[in-house]
Amino acid sequence: MEQTFQAAARVTSKGQVTLPLALRRQLGIRTGDRVLFEGGEEGVRLRVEREGSPFERYQGIGNPGIPSGRRQAIAWVRRLRRP
């Protein structure tokens, strides 16, 4: 079931609008995200555009000192197992 809500915002003289907090939270909009407005017969649609993977910021957690990539991980394990 799709969640809906209603919120108002004022347009400044520069054409800027502050998105209400409830909308930002529901859509997961964070600082630096781009917002795309799509117009059609049924009205205007708002979509969030993010660059990169949402998991990118978690890359490398849990393996400090090990370079990323399969080959580097295998080489690291081999160094650990050397007598």
C-alpha atoms as a PDB file:
ATOM      1  CA  MET A   1       0.000   0.000   0.000  1.00  0.00           C
ATOM      2  CA  GLU A   2       1.406   3.370  -1.011  1.00  0.00           C
ATOM      3  CA  GLN A   3       1.901   5.942   1.734  1.00  0.00           C
ATOM      4  CA  THR A   4       0.545   9.402   1.043  1.00  0.00           C
ATOM      5  CA  PHE A   5       0.732  12.675   2.911  1.00  0.00           C
ATOM      6  CA  GLN A   6       0.145  16.345   2.347  1.00  0.00           C
ATOM      7  CA  ALA A   7       2.552  19.156   3.189  1.00  0.00           C
ATOM      8  CA  ALA A   8       2.923  22.761   2.085  1.00  0.00           C
ATOM      9  CA  ALA A   9       6.053  24.731   1.207  1.00  0.00           C
ATOM     10  CA  ARG A  10       6.583  28.322   0.128  1.00  0.00           C
ATOM     11  CA  VAL A  11       8.507  29.294  -3.015  1.00  0.00           C
ATOM     12  CA  THR A  12      11.123  32.006  -2.454  1.00  0.00           C
ATOM     13  CA  SER A  13      11.828  34.901  -4.836  1.00  0.00           C
ATOM     14  CA  LYS A  14      14.701  32.803  -6.234  1.00  0.00           C
ATOM     15  CA  GLY A  15      12.327  29.917  -7.023  1.00  0.00           C
ATOM     16  CA  GLN A  16      13.649  27.755  -4.194  1.00  0.00           C
ATOM     17  CA  VAL A  17      11.514  25.421  -2.088  1.00  0.00           C
ATOM     18  CA  THR A  18      12.441  23.764   1.197  1.00  0.00           C
ATOM     19  CA  LEU A  19      11.192  20.189   1.181  1.00  0.00           C
ATOM     20  CA  PRO A  20       9.250  19.398   4.360  1.00  0.00           C
ATOM     21  CA  LEU A  21      11.024  17.113   6.832  1.00  0.00           C
ATOM     22  CA  ALA A  22       8.283  14.460   6.600  1.00  0.00           C
ATOM     23  CA  LEU A  23       8.817  14.216   2.832  1.00  0.00           C
ATOM     24  CA  ARG A  24      12.615  14.045   3.142  1.00  0.00           C
ATOM     25  CA  ARG A  25      12.354  11.277   5.716  1.00  0.00           C
ATOM     26  CA  GLN A  26       9.800   9.264   3.741  1.00  0.00           C
ATOM     27  CA  LEU A  27      11.870   9.427   0.557  1.00  0.00           C
ATOM     28  CA  GLY A  28      15.242   9.082   2.300  1.00  0.00           C
ATOM     29  CA  ILE A  29      16.494  12.386   0.887  1.00  0.00           C
ATOM     30  CA  ARG A  30      19.828  13.440   2.369  1.00  0.00           C
ATOM     31  CA  THR A  31      22.092  16.446   1.960  1.00  0.00           C
ATOM     32  CA  GLY A  32      23.718  16.381  -1.467  1.00  0.00           C
ATOM     33  CA  ASP A  33      21.044  14.216  -3.130  1.00  0.00           C
ATOM     34  CA  ARG A  34      19.629  15.462  -6.422  1.00  0.00           C
ATOM     35  CA  VAL A  35      15.876  15.713  -6.835  1.00  0.00           C
ATOM     36  CA  LEU A  36      14.260  15.225 -10.230  1.00  0.00           C
ATOM     37  CA  PHE A  37      10.842  16.717 -11.033  1.00  0.00           C
ATOM     38  CA  GLU A  38       8.878  14.896 -13.744  1.00  0.00           C
ATOM     39  CA  GLY A  39       5.718  16.482 -15.161  1.00  0.00           C
ATOM     40  CA  GLY A  40       2.891  14.639 -16.858  1.00  0.00           C
ATOM     41  CA  GLU A  41      -0.847  14.619 -17.385  1.00  0.00           C
ATOM     42  CA  GLU A  42      -1.510  13.424 -13.843  1.00  0.00           C
ATOM     43  CA  GLY A  43       0.666  16.078 -12.199  1.00  0.00           C
ATOM     44  CA  VAL A  44       4.245  16.409 -11.051  1.00  0.00           C
ATOM     45  CA  ARG A  45       6.291  13.545  -9.705  1.00  0.00           C
ATOM     46  CA  LEU A  46       9.355  13.877  -7.454  1.00  0.00           C
ATOM     47  CA  ARG A  47      12.198  11.381  -7.711  1.00  0.00           C
ATOM     48  CA  VAL A  48      15.513  11.164  -5.864  1.00  0.00           C
ATOM     49  CA  GLU A  49      18.695  10.640  -7.895  1.00  0.00           C
ATOM     50  CA  ARG A  50      21.704   9.324  -6.034  1.00  0.00           C
ATOM     51  CA  GLU A  51      25.169   8.839  -7.428  1.00  0.00           C
ATOM     52  CA  GLY A  52      27.008   5.637  -6.699  1.00  0.00           C
ATOM     53  CA  SER A  53      25.887   2.675  -4.673  1.00  0.00           C
ATOM     54  CA  PRO A  54      24.002   3.156  -1.415  1.00  0.00           C
ATOM     55  CA  PHE A  55      26.417   0.591   0.059  1.00  0.00           C
ATOM     56  CA  GLU A  56      29.557   2.444  -1.020  1.00  0.00           C
ATOM     57  CA  ARG A  57      30.025   4.160   2.336  1.00  0.00           C
ATOM     58  CA  TYR A  58      30.172   0.740   4.044  1.00  0.00           C
ATOM     59  CA  GLN A  59      32.945  -0.604   1.820  1.00  0.00           C
ATOM     60  CA  GLY A  60      35.918  -1.785   3.834  1.00  0.00           C
ATOM     61  CA  ILE A  61      34.149  -1.952   7.193  1.00  0.00           C
ATOM     62  CA  GLY A  62      35.289  -4.977   9.142  1.00  0.00           C
ATOM     63  CA  ASN A  63      38.537  -5.516   7.258  1.00  0.00           C
ATOM     64  CA  PRO A  64      40.961  -2.714   8.128  1.00  0.00           C
ATOM     65  CA  GLY A  65      44.332  -3.059   6.490  1.00  0.00           C
ATOM     66  CA  ILE A  66      43.103  -5.370   3.737  1.00  0.00           C
ATOM     67  CA  PRO A  67      42.964  -3.827   0.271  1.00  0.00           C
ATOM     68  CA  SER A  68      39.691  -4.298  -1.596  1.00  0.00           C
ATOM     69  CA  GLY A  69      39.385  -7.051  -4.142  1.00  0.00           C
ATOM     70  CA  ARG A  70      39.422 -10.827  -4.175  1.00  0.00           C
ATOM     71  CA  ARG A  71      43.108 -11.217  -5.044  1.00  0.00           C
ATOM     72  CA  GLN A  72      44.241  -8.939  -2.226  1.00  0.00           C
ATOM     73  CA  ALA A  73      42.034 -10.762   0.292  1.00  0.00           C
ATOM     74  CA  ILE A  74      43.416 -14.157  -0.775  1.00  0.00           C
ATOM     75  CA  ALA A  75      47.003 -12.861  -0.580  1.00  0.00           C
ATOM     76  CA  TRP A  76      46.294 -11.475   2.906  1.00  0.00           C
ATOM     77  CA  VAL A  77      44.940 -14.848   4.119  1.00  0.00           C
ATOM     78  CA  ARG A  78      47.989 -16.649   2.670  1.00  0.00           C
ATOM     79  CA  ARG A  79      50.319 -14.274   4.528  1.00  0.00           C
ATOM     80  CA  LEU A  80      48.453 -15.030   7.755  1.00  0.00           C
ATOM     81  CA  ARG A  81      48.804 -18.799   7.267  1.00  0.00           C
ATOM     82  CA  ARG A  82      52.557 -18.748   6.605  1.00  0.00           C
ATOM     83  CA  PRO A  83      54.560 -20.436   9.365  1.00  0.00           C
END
